[in-house]
Protein backbone atom coordinates (compact mmCIF):
# COMPACT_ATOMS: atom_id res chain seq x y z
CA UNK A 1 -11.94 3.14 -8.13
CA UNK A 2 -10.27 0.95 -10.67
CA UNK A 3 -9.36 4.08 -12.71
CA UNK A 4 -7.49 5.57 -9.74
CA UNK A 5 -4.26 3.70 -9.12
CA UNK A 6 -3.88 4.85 -5.52
CA UNK A 7 -7.66 5.44 -4.91
CA UNK A 8 -9.10 4.65 -1.66
CA UNK A 9 -12.46 5.33 0.11
CA UNK A 10 -13.38 5.47 3.75
CA UNK A 11 -16.69 4.27 5.07
CA UNK A 12 -17.99 6.05 8.10
CA UNK A 13 -20.19 3.55 9.88
CA UNK A 14 -23.67 4.82 10.77
CA UNK A 15 -24.06 5.72 14.52
CA UNK A 16 -26.08 7.90 16.91
CA UNK A 17 -23.40 10.66 16.01
CA UNK A 18 -23.60 10.57 12.23
CA UNK A 19 -26.28 12.30 10.12
CA UNK A 20 -26.36 10.49 6.70
CA UNK A 21 -24.91 12.76 3.93
CA UNK A 22 -24.54 15.51 6.54
CA UNK A 23 -21.81 13.67 8.19
CA UNK A 24 -19.51 15.02 5.48
CA UNK A 25 -19.67 18.24 7.07
CA UNK A 26 -18.51 16.99 10.45
CA UNK A 27 -14.68 16.97 10.17
CA UNK A 28 -14.20 15.02 13.41
CA UNK A 29 -15.05 11.83 11.42
CA UNK A 30 -12.70 12.27 8.59
CA UNK A 31 -10.09 14.94 9.41
CA UNK A 32 -7.42 12.51 10.61
CA UNK A 33 -7.63 10.38 7.56
CA UNK A 34 -7.27 13.52 5.33
CA UNK A 35 -4.18 14.60 7.18
CA UNK A 36 -2.73 11.12 6.67
CA UNK A 37 -3.51 11.26 3.03
CA UNK A 38 -2.17 14.79 2.57
CA UNK A 39 1.08 13.78 4.27
CA UNK A 40 1.65 11.14 1.60
CA UNK A 41 1.52 13.64 -1.36
CA UNK A 42 4.75 15.02 -2.82
CA UNK A 43 5.69 18.63 -2.06
CA UNK A 44 5.65 20.77 -5.22
CA UNK A 45 7.44 24.17 -5.41
CA UNK A 46 5.31 27.16 -6.42
CA UNK A 47 5.97 28.74 -9.72
CA UNK A 48 5.12 32.23 -10.94
CA UNK A 49 3.03 30.58 -13.76
CA UNK A 50 0.55 29.01 -11.32
CA UNK A 51 -0.93 32.28 -10.16
CA UNK A 52 -4.67 32.77 -9.66
């Protein structure tokens, strides 16, 4: 994390609803935090050079 100036991590506490690493596939545990993070990113205009 020291190499990422704005790096963060979220620890999802173990519970009867979590399933170890399988919890990453359950968006209800992390979707809101992702929305908050994405809202902090600058909006960039699309360019013709950034195609597929």
